[in-house]
Structure formats: structure tokens, C-alpha cells
Amino acid sequence: MKIMTCPLNGPRNISEFVNAGEVKSMPAPNAPALDWAKYAYRERNKAGVVMEWWLHVPSANWFVAERDTRDDRIIRTMTVAEFLASAGTTP
């Protein structure tokens, strides 16, 4: 059984979570349609360490996980506020 640590609820079975893709910057509201299409539909699918959006379904808690896609290892999880603070942005 694979365990993932939810920042709100602690260690839980991975079946309680949904991966929502890599964290990426949103284009400007007036950006060309092609930029929005790339944002909505293209994934980098990078081999290595990525930051991803995850949802703990039972609690509806969104958070960010740092995961190595080469071995599917979850390095760490953090609240959105912790992620934004580490990126130098405030909510």
C-alpha cells in the first residue's frame, strides 16, 4: 500500500488522492488563444522532480506535492500557502 502525507490530514492511502497535474504559470488574461491552449492542454511530462497539484478527496483539501516522476517517489507535500511562500508569492 502506498502512503501519501496530506498536509491537513497526515499519512493516508494513496487511493484517497487525485493528481491534477503540474503546477504551472497561467498566461495573462489577454494572452493569445494559443498561449491559453498550451496552458490548458499541454503537459511537459518531465522525467525528474516536478511540483504537482493534488486533491485529498475525502476532505476536499488541495495541496502541492513535490514528486520524482522517474520512480514515482513523493519527496514532500505542502499547503498552498507554504508553496507560495517558498516561491516568494503570497496568497
PDB file of N, CA and C in Angstrom:
ATOM      1  N   MET A   1       0.856  -1.180   0.000  1.00  0.00           N
ATOM      2  CA  MET A   1       0.000   0.000   0.000  1.00  0.00           C
ATOM      3  C   MET A   1       0.898   1.239   0.000  1.00  0.00           C
ATOM      4  N   LYS A   2       0.624   2.159  -0.900  1.00  0.00           N
ATOM      5  CA  LYS A   2       1.388   3.402  -0.982  1.00  0.00           C
ATOM      6  C   LYS A   2       0.718   4.449  -0.106  1.00  0.00           C
ATOM      7  N   ILE A   3       1.530   5.173   0.648  1.00  0.00           N
ATOM      8  CA  ILE A   3       1.041   6.198   1.562  1.00  0.00           C
ATOM      9  C   ILE A   3       1.517   7.572   1.097  1.00  0.00           C
ATOM     10  N   MET A   4       0.608   8.543   1.156  1.00  0.00           N
ATOM     11  CA  MET A   4       0.959   9.933   0.867  1.00  0.00           C
ATOM     12  C   MET A   4       0.562  10.756   2.085  1.00  0.00           C
ATOM     13  N   THR A   5       1.382  11.746   2.413  1.00  0.00           N
ATOM     14  CA  THR A   5       1.081  12.590   3.562  1.00  0.00           C
ATOM     15  C   THR A   5       0.325  13.827   3.117  1.00  0.00           C
ATOM     16  N   CYS A   6      -0.911  13.932   3.562  1.00  0.00           N
ATOM     17  CA  CYS A   6      -1.717  15.126   3.315  1.00  0.00           C
ATOM     18  C   CYS A   6      -1.297  16.172   4.346  1.00  0.00           C
ATOM     19  N   PRO A   7      -1.024  17.414   3.937  1.00  0.00           N
ATOM     20  CA  PRO A   7      -0.631  18.440   4.904  1.00  0.00           C
ATOM     21  C   PRO A   7      -1.690  18.712   5.972  1.00  0.00           C
ATOM     22  N   LEU A   8      -2.948  18.426   5.667  1.00  0.00           N
ATOM     23  CA  LEU A   8      -4.039  18.664   6.609  1.00  0.00           C
ATOM     24  C   LEU A   8      -4.365  17.428   7.440  1.00  0.00           C
ATOM     25  N   ASN A   9      -4.361  16.247   6.813  1.00  0.00           N
ATOM     26  CA  ASN A   9      -4.844  15.029   7.467  1.00  0.00           C
ATOM     27  C   ASN A   9      -3.781  13.996   7.799  1.00  0.00           C
ATOM     28  N   GLY A  10      -2.520  14.248   7.445  1.00  0.00           N
ATOM     29  CA  GLY A  10      -1.461  13.302   7.745  1.00  0.00           C
ATOM     30  C   GLY A  10      -1.387  12.166   6.740  1.00  0.00           C
ATOM     31  N   PRO A  11      -0.672  11.089   7.095  1.00  0.00           N
ATOM     32  CA  PRO A  11      -0.481   9.968   6.174  1.00  0.00           C
ATOM     33  C   PRO A  11      -1.799   9.264   5.845  1.00  0.00           C
ATOM     34  N   ARG A  12      -2.044   9.069   4.540  1.00  0.00           N
ATOM     35  CA  ARG A  12      -3.285   8.441   4.069  1.00  0.00           C
ATOM     36  C   ARG A  12      -2.965   7.516   2.898  1.00  0.00           C
ATOM     37  N   ASN A  13      -3.852   6.569   2.628  1.00  0.00           N
ATOM     38  CA  ASN A  13      -3.721   5.679   1.484  1.00  0.00           C
ATOM     39  C   ASN A  13      -3.790   6.508   0.198  1.00  0.00           C
ATOM     40  N   ILE A  14      -2.921   6.212  -0.749  1.00  0.00           N
ATOM     41  CA  ILE A  14      -2.848   6.987  -1.997  1.00  0.00           C
ATOM     42  C   ILE A  14      -4.169   6.965  -2.766  1.00  0.00           C
ATOM     43  N   SER A  15      -5.014   5.974  -2.532  1.00  0.00           N
ATOM     44  CA  SER A  15      -6.295   5.900  -3.242  1.00  0.00           C
ATOM     45  C   SER A  15      -7.238   7.042  -2.857  1.00  0.00           C
ATOM     46  N   GLU A  16      -6.931   7.781  -1.787  1.00  0.00           N
ATOM     47  CA  GLU A  16      -7.759   8.917  -1.371  1.00  0.00           C
ATOM     48  C   GLU A  16      -7.419  10.203  -2.117  1.00  0.00           C
ATOM     49  N   PHE A  17      -6.427  10.156  -2.999  1.00  0.00           N
ATOM     50  CA  PHE A  17      -5.933  11.366  -3.651  1.00  0.00           C
ATOM     51  C   PHE A  17      -6.145  11.336  -5.158  1.00  0.00           C
ATOM     52  N   VAL A  18      -6.208  12.538  -5.743  1.00  0.00           N
ATOM     53  CA  VAL A  18      -6.292  12.708  -7.193  1.00  0.00           C
ATOM     54  C   VAL A  18      -5.203  13.687  -7.608  1.00  0.00           C
ATOM     55  N   ASN A  19      -4.438  13.314  -8.627  1.00  0.00           N
ATOM     56  CA  ASN A  19      -3.400  14.182  -9.166  1.00  0.00           C
ATOM     57  C   ASN A  19      -4.033  15.087 -10.217  1.00  0.00           C
ATOM     58  N   ALA A  20      -3.778  16.395 -10.116  1.00  0.00           N
ATOM     59  CA  ALA A  20      -4.370  17.350 -11.053  1.00  0.00           C
ATOM     60  C   ALA A  20      -3.331  17.995 -11.965  1.00  0.00           C
ATOM     61  N   GLY A  21      -2.137  17.426 -12.041  1.00  0.00           N
ATOM     62  CA  GLY A  21      -1.145  17.917 -12.983  1.00  0.00           C
ATOM     63  C   GLY A  21      -0.124  18.850 -12.377  1.00  0.00           C
ATOM     64  N   GLU A  22       0.828  19.191 -13.200  1.00  0.00           N
ATOM     65  CA  GLU A  22       1.961  20.004 -12.782  1.00  0.00           C
ATOM     66  C   GLU A  22       1.551  21.451 -12.487  1.00  0.00           C
ATOM     67  N   VAL A  23       2.176  22.026 -11.486  1.00  0.00           N
ATOM     68  CA  VAL A  23       1.979  23.443 -11.182  1.00  0.00           C
ATOM     69  C   VAL A  23       2.661  24.238 -12.290  1.00  0.00           C
ATOM     70  N   LYS A  24       1.919  25.153 -12.893  1.00  0.00           N
ATOM     71  CA  LYS A  24       2.492  25.979 -13.954  1.00  0.00           C
ATOM     72  C   LYS A  24       1.860  27.359 -13.922  1.00  0.00           C
ATOM     73  N   SER A  25       2.546  28.319 -14.498  1.00  0.00           N
ATOM     74  CA  SER A  25       2.069  29.702 -14.504  1.00  0.00           C
ATOM     75  C   SER A  25       0.962  29.879 -15.529  1.00  0.00           C
ATOM     76  N   MET A  26      -0.065  30.603 -15.134  1.00  0.00           N
ATOM     77  CA  MET A  26      -1.191  30.884 -16.019  1.00  0.00           C
ATOM     78  C   MET A  26      -0.836  32.078 -16.917  1.00  0.00           C
ATOM     79  N   PRO A  27      -1.232  32.044 -18.185  1.00  0.00           N
ATOM     80  CA  PRO A  27      -0.981  33.178 -19.070  1.00  0.00           C
ATOM     81  C   PRO A  27      -1.777  34.416 -18.626  1.00  0.00           C
ATOM     82  N   ALA A  28      -1.373  35.547 -19.114  1.00  0.00           N
ATOM     83  CA  ALA A  28      -2.099  36.787 -18.837  1.00  0.00           C
ATOM     84  C   ALA A  28      -3.511  36.675 -19.422  1.00  0.00           C
ATOM     85  N   PRO A  29      -4.491  37.336 -18.802  1.00  0.00           N
ATOM     86  CA  PRO A  29      -5.869  37.253 -19.303  1.00  0.00           C
ATOM     87  C   PRO A  29      -6.015  37.633 -20.775  1.00  0.00           C
ATOM     88  N   ASN A  30      -5.207  38.562 -21.249  1.00  0.00           N
ATOM     89  CA  ASN A  30      -5.308  38.996 -22.643  1.00  0.00           C
ATOM     90  C   ASN A  30      -4.295  38.306 -23.557  1.00  0.00           C
ATOM     91  N   ALA A  31      -3.710  37.215 -23.094  1.00  0.00           N
ATOM     92  CA  ALA A  31      -2.736  36.478 -23.910  1.00  0.00           C
ATOM     93  C   ALA A  31      -3.431  35.846 -25.113  1.00  0.00           C
ATOM     94  N   PRO A  32      -2.672  35.583 -26.176  1.00  0.00           N
ATOM     95  CA  PRO A  32      -3.256  34.948 -27.367  1.00  0.00           C
ATOM     96  C   PRO A  32      -3.860  33.583 -27.033  1.00  0.00           C
ATOM     97  N   ALA A  33      -4.827  33.170 -27.819  1.00  0.00           N
ATOM     98  CA  ALA A  33      -5.525  31.894 -27.600  1.00  0.00           C
ATOM     99  C   ALA A  33      -4.558  30.715 -27.604  1.00  0.00           C
ATOM    100  N   LEU A  34      -3.505  30.785 -28.408  1.00  0.00           N
ATOM    101  CA  LEU A  34      -2.534  29.695 -28.461  1.00  0.00           C
ATOM    102  C   LEU A  34      -1.858  29.501 -27.104  1.00  0.00           C
ATOM    103  N   ASP A  35      -1.547  30.600 -26.417  1.00  0.00           N
ATOM    104  CA  ASP A  35      -0.939  30.501 -25.084  1.00  0.00           C
ATOM    105  C   ASP A  35      -1.890  29.825 -24.102  1.00  0.00           C
ATOM    106  N   TRP A  36      -3.176  30.156 -24.186  1.00  0.00           N
ATOM    107  CA  TRP A  36      -4.175  29.537 -23.313  1.00  0.00           C
ATOM    108  C   TRP A  36      -4.360  28.063 -23.658  1.00  0.00           C
ATOM    109  N   ALA A  37      -4.310  27.728 -24.933  1.00  0.00           N
ATOM    110  CA  ALA A  37      -4.438  26.322 -25.337  1.00  0.00           C
ATOM    111  C   ALA A  37      -3.260  25.501 -24.809  1.00  0.00           C
ATOM    112  N   LYS A  38      -2.064  26.050 -24.911  1.00  0.00           N
ATOM    113  CA  LYS A  38      -0.884  25.362 -24.372  1.00  0.00           C
ATOM    114  C   LYS A  38      -1.016  25.166 -22.865  1.00  0.00           C
ATOM    115  N   TYR A  39      -1.485  26.202 -22.187  1.00  0.00           N
ATOM    116  CA  TYR A  39      -1.654  26.123 -20.732  1.00  0.00           C
ATOM    117  C   TYR A  39      -2.675  25.047 -20.355  1.00  0.00           C
ATOM    118  N   ALA A  40      -3.775  24.988 -21.066  1.00  0.00           N
ATOM    119  CA  ALA A  40      -4.856  24.069 -20.720  1.00  0.00           C
ATOM    120  C   ALA A  40      -4.597  22.626 -21.148  1.00  0.00           C
ATOM    121  N   TYR A  41      -3.899  22.427 -22.257  1.00  0.00           N
ATOM    122  CA  TYR A  41      -3.838  21.089 -22.828  1.00  0.00           C
ATOM    123  C   TYR A  41      -2.462  20.451 -22.911  1.00  0.00           C
ATOM    124  N   ARG A  42      -1.404  21.210 -22.786  1.00  0.00           N
ATOM    125  CA  ARG A  42      -0.072  20.619 -22.926  1.00  0.00           C
ATOM    126  C   ARG A  42       0.547  20.362 -21.560  1.00  0.00           C
ATOM    127  N   GLU A  43       1.116  19.168 -21.417  1.00  0.00           N
ATOM    128  CA  GLU A  43       1.852  18.806 -20.215  1.00  0.00           C
ATOM    129  C   GLU A  43       3.303  18.591 -20.619  1.00  0.00           C
ATOM    130  N   ARG A  44       4.208  19.015 -19.750  1.00  0.00           N
ATOM    131  CA  ARG A  44       5.629  18.839 -20.056  1.00  0.00           C
ATOM    132  C   ARG A  44       6.044  17.373 -19.937  1.00  0.00           C
ATOM    133  N   ASN A  45       5.436  16.644 -18.998  1.00  0.00           N
ATOM    134  CA  ASN A  45       5.746  15.234 -18.790  1.00  0.00           C
ATOM    135  C   ASN A  45       7.242  15.021 -18.579  1.00  0.00           C
ATOM    136  N   LYS A  46       7.820  15.855 -17.743  1.00  0.00           N
ATOM    137  CA  LYS A  46       9.248  15.856 -17.473  1.00  0.00           C
ATOM    138  C   LYS A  46       9.652  14.631 -16.639  1.00  0.00           C
ATOM    139  N   ALA A  47      10.764  14.019 -17.003  1.00  0.00           N
ATOM    140  CA  ALA A  47      11.334  12.943 -16.190  1.00  0.00           C
ATOM    141  C   ALA A  47      12.213  13.600 -15.140  1.00  0.00           C
ATOM    142  N   GLY A  48      11.807  13.534 -13.893  1.00  0.00           N
ATOM    143  CA  GLY A  48      12.555  14.166 -12.813  1.00  0.00           C
ATOM    144  C   GLY A  48      11.615  14.735 -11.777  1.00  0.00           C
ATOM    145  N   VAL A  49      12.112  15.672 -11.017  1.00  0.00           N
ATOM    146  CA  VAL A  49      11.340  16.252  -9.915  1.00  0.00           C
ATOM    147  C   VAL A  49      10.409  17.338 -10.439  1.00  0.00           C
ATOM    148  N   VAL A  50       9.125  17.226 -10.098  1.00  0.00           N
ATOM    149  CA  VAL A  50       8.116  18.201 -10.509  1.00  0.00           C
ATOM    150  C   VAL A  50       7.251  18.581  -9.311  1.00  0.00           C
ATOM    151  N   MET A  51       6.631  19.750  -9.396  1.00  0.00           N
ATOM    152  CA  MET A  51       5.657  20.195  -8.403  1.00  0.00           C
ATOM    153  C   MET A  51       4.281  19.970  -9.010  1.00  0.00           C
ATOM    154  N   GLU A  52       3.385  19.313  -8.253  1.00  0.00           N
ATOM    155  CA  GLU A  52       2.075  18.954  -8.792  1.00  0.00           C
ATOM    156  C   GLU A  52       0.956  19.340  -7.831  1.00  0.00           C
ATOM    157  N   TRP A  53      -0.204  19.625  -8.425  1.00  0.00           N
ATOM    158  CA  TRP A  53      -1.421  19.840  -7.649  1.00  0.00           C
ATOM    159  C   TRP A  53      -2.000  18.487  -7.281  1.00  0.00           C
ATOM    160  N   TRP A  54      -2.414  18.339  -6.032  1.00  0.00           N
ATOM    161  CA  TRP A  54      -3.076  17.121  -5.563  1.00  0.00           C
ATOM    162  C   TRP A  54      -4.301  17.507  -4.753  1.00  0.00           C
ATOM    163  N   LEU A  55      -5.291  16.622  -4.775  1.00  0.00           N
ATOM    164  CA  LEU A  55      -6.515  16.811  -4.001  1.00  0.00           C
ATOM    165  C   LEU A  55      -6.709  15.611  -3.095  1.00  0.00           C
ATOM    166  N   HIS A  56      -6.912  15.874  -1.792  1.00  0.00           N
ATOM    167  CA  HIS A  56      -7.330  14.809  -0.880  1.00  0.00           C
ATOM    168  C   HIS A  56      -8.852  14.805  -0.946  1.00  0.00           C
ATOM    169  N   VAL A  57      -9.421  13.807  -1.618  1.00  0.00           N
ATOM    170  CA  VAL A  57     -10.846  13.787  -1.939  1.00  0.00           C
ATOM    171  C   VAL A  57     -11.745  13.812  -0.706  1.00  0.00           C
ATOM    172  N   PRO A  58     -11.524  12.988   0.328  1.00  0.00           N
ATOM    173  CA  PRO A  58     -12.450  12.998   1.471  1.00  0.00           C
ATOM    174  C   PRO A  58     -12.575  14.347   2.175  1.00  0.00           C
ATOM    175  N   SER A  59     -11.483  15.123   2.195  1.00  0.00           N
ATOM    176  CA  SER A  59     -11.535  16.423   2.887  1.00  0.00           C
ATOM    177  C   SER A  59     -11.615  17.602   1.924  1.00  0.00           C
ATOM    178  N   ALA A  60     -11.543  17.352   0.610  1.00  0.00           N
ATOM    179  CA  ALA A  60     -11.536  18.407  -0.412  1.00  0.00           C
ATOM    180  C   ALA A  60     -10.400  19.393  -0.188  1.00  0.00           C
ATOM    181  N   ASN A  61      -9.266  18.895   0.277  1.00  0.00           N
ATOM    182  CA  ASN A  61      -8.102  19.733   0.555  1.00  0.00           C
ATOM    183  C   ASN A  61      -7.119  19.689  -0.617  1.00  0.00           C
ATOM    184  N   TRP A  62      -6.894  20.862  -1.240  1.00  0.00           N
ATOM    185  CA  TRP A  62      -5.907  20.984  -2.307  1.00  0.00           C
ATOM    186  C   TRP A  62      -4.552  21.305  -1.702  1.00  0.00           C
ATOM    187  N   PHE A  63      -3.497  20.705  -2.260  1.00  0.00           N
ATOM    188  CA  PHE A  63      -2.142  20.976  -1.791  1.00  0.00           C
ATOM    189  C   PHE A  63      -1.163  20.702  -2.929  1.00  0.00           C
ATOM    190  N   VAL A  64       0.107  20.976  -2.677  1.00  0.00           N
ATOM    191  CA  VAL A  64       1.152  20.793  -3.677  1.00  0.00           C
ATOM    192  C   VAL A  64       2.096  19.702  -3.186  1.00  0.00           C
ATOM    193  N   ALA A  65       2.458  18.806  -4.091  1.00  0.00           N
ATOM    194  CA  ALA A  65       3.415  17.753  -3.776  1.00  0.00           C
ATOM    195  C   ALA A  65       4.606  17.855  -4.716  1.00  0.00           C
ATOM    196  N   GLU A  66       5.777  17.635  -4.165  1.00  0.00           N
ATOM    197  CA  GLU A  66       6.992  17.549  -4.969  1.00  0.00           C
ATOM    198  C   GLU A  66       7.231  16.055  -5.185  1.00  0.00           C
ATOM    199  N   ARG A  67       7.276  15.626  -6.461  1.00  0.00           N
ATOM    200  CA  ARG A  67       7.351  14.199  -6.773  1.00  0.00           C
ATOM    201  C   ARG A  67       8.386  13.952  -7.849  1.00  0.00           C
ATOM    202  N   ASP A  68       9.126  12.863  -7.715  1.00  0.00           N
ATOM    203  CA  ASP A  68      10.082  12.452  -8.735  1.00  0.00           C
ATOM    204  C   ASP A  68       9.370  11.477  -9.664  1.00  0.00           C
ATOM    205  N   THR A  69       9.180  11.868 -10.913  1.00  0.00           N
ATOM    206  CA  THR A  69       8.420  11.043 -11.859  1.00  0.00           C
ATOM    207  C   THR A  69       9.192   9.805 -12.316  1.00  0.00           C
ATOM    208  N   ARG A  70      10.504   9.787 -12.093  1.00  0.00           N
ATOM    209  CA  ARG A  70      11.285   8.623 -12.531  1.00  0.00           C
ATOM    210  C   ARG A  70      10.993   7.389 -11.691  1.00  0.00           C
ATOM    211  N   ASP A  71      10.744   7.584 -10.396  1.00  0.00           N
ATOM    212  CA  ASP A  71      10.467   6.429  -9.532  1.00  0.00           C
ATOM    213  C   ASP A  71       9.150   6.589  -8.763  1.00  0.00           C
ATOM    214  N   ASP A  72       8.364   7.614  -9.120  1.00  0.00           N
ATOM    215  CA  ASP A  72       7.064   7.881  -8.504  1.00  0.00           C
ATOM    216  C   ASP A  72       7.187   8.100  -6.993  1.00  0.00           C
ATOM    217  N   ARG A  73       8.306   8.675  -6.579  1.00  0.00           N
ATOM    218  CA  ARG A  73       8.558   8.933  -5.156  1.00  0.00           C
ATOM    219  C   ARG A  73       8.051  10.320  -4.786  1.00  0.00           C
ATOM    220  N   ILE A  74       7.260  10.382  -3.728  1.00  0.00           N
ATOM    221  CA  ILE A  74       6.777  11.667  -3.228  1.00  0.00           C
ATOM    222  C   ILE A  74       7.829  12.204  -2.257  1.00  0.00           C
ATOM    223  N   ILE A  75       8.427  13.321  -2.623  1.00  0.00           N
ATOM    224  CA  ILE A  75       9.515  13.887  -1.826  1.00  0.00           C
ATOM    225  C   ILE A  75       8.961  14.636  -0.625  1.00  0.00           C
ATOM    226  N   ARG A  76       7.967  15.496  -0.876  1.00  0.00           N
ATOM    227  CA  ARG A  76       7.343  16.241   0.220  1.00  0.00           C
ATOM    228  C   ARG A  76       6.004  16.790  -0.247  1.00  0.00           C
ATOM    229  N   THR A  77       5.164  17.126   0.716  1.00  0.00           N
ATOM    230  CA  THR A  77       3.899  17.779   0.437  1.00  0.00           C
ATOM    231  C   THR A  77       3.829  19.064   1.238  1.00  0.00           C
ATOM    232  N   MET A  78       3.066  20.026   0.731  1.00  0.00           N
ATOM    233  CA  MET A  78       2.956  21.311   1.425  1.00  0.00           C
ATOM    234  C   MET A  78       1.610  21.955   1.125  1.00  0.00           C
ATOM    235  N   THR A  79       1.168  22.795   2.045  1.00  0.00           N
ATOM    236  CA  THR A  79      -0.061  23.542   1.804  1.00  0.00           C
ATOM    237  C   THR A  79       0.192  24.528   0.669  1.00  0.00           C
ATOM    238  N   VAL A  80      -0.868  25.051   0.111  1.00  0.00           N
ATOM    239  CA  VAL A  80      -0.725  26.049  -0.957  1.00  0.00           C
ATOM    240  C   VAL A  80      -0.001  27.278  -0.416  1.00  0.00           C
ATOM    241  N   ALA A  81      -0.324  27.687   0.809  1.00  0.00           N
ATOM    242  CA  ALA A  81       0.339  28.847   1.421  1.00  0.00           C
ATOM    243  C   ALA A  81       1.839  28.597   1.571  1.00  0.00           C
ATOM    244  N   GLU A  82       2.229  27.391   1.988  1.00  0.00           N
ATOM    245  CA  GLU A  82       3.657  27.059   2.117  1.00  0.00           C
ATOM    246  C   GLU A  82       4.338  27.090   0.757  1.00  0.00           C
ATOM    247  N   PHE A  83       3.658  26.567  -0.261  1.00  0.00           N
ATOM    248  CA  PHE A  83       4.228  26.572  -1.602  1.00  0.00           C
ATOM    249  C   PHE A  83       4.425  27.999  -2.110  1.00  0.00           C
ATOM    250  N   LEU A  84       3.399  28.834  -1.952  1.00  0.00           N
ATOM    251  CA  LEU A  84       3.505  30.227  -2.404  1.00  0.00           C
ATOM    252  C   LEU A  84       4.585  30.976  -1.645  1.00  0.00           C
ATOM    253  N   ALA A  85       4.724  30.710  -0.349  1.00  0.00           N
ATOM    254  CA  ALA A  85       5.762  31.369   0.449  1.00  0.00           C
ATOM    255  C   ALA A  85       7.153  30.943  -0.031  1.00  0.00           C
ATOM    256  N   SER A  86       7.309  29.661  -0.385  1.00  0.00           N
ATOM    257  CA  SER A  86       8.609  29.183  -0.868  1.00  0.00           C
ATOM    258  C   SER A  86       8.930  29.739  -2.247  1.00  0.00           C
ATOM    259  N   ALA A  87       7.891  30.090  -3.006  1.00  0.00           N
ATOM    260  CA  ALA A  87       8.071  30.659  -4.345  1.00  0.00           C
ATOM    261  C   ALA A  87       8.193  32.181  -4.308  1.00  0.00           C
ATOM    262  N   GLY A  88       8.069  32.753  -3.094  1.00  0.00           N
ATOM    263  CA  GLY A  88       8.170  34.204  -2.956  1.00  0.00           C
ATOM    264  C   GLY A  88       6.894  34.941  -3.304  1.00  0.00           C
ATOM    265  N   THR A  89       5.767  34.236  -3.276  1.00  0.00           N
ATOM    266  CA  THR A  89       4.465  34.826  -3.591  1.00  0.00           C
ATOM    267  C   THR A  89       3.566  34.658  -2.374  1.00  0.00           C
ATOM    268  N   THR A  90       2.672  35.601  -2.163  1.00  0.00           N
ATOM    269  CA  THR A  90       1.728  35.477  -1.053  1.00  0.00           C
ATOM    270  C   THR A  90       0.331  35.282  -1.585  1.00  0.00           C
ATOM    271  N   PRO A  91      -0.500  34.524  -0.871  1.00  0.00           N
ATOM    272  CA  PRO A  91      -1.859  34.283  -1.353  1.00  0.00           C
ATOM    273  C   PRO A  91      -2.711  35.534  -1.303  1.00  0.00           C
TER     274      PRO A  91
END
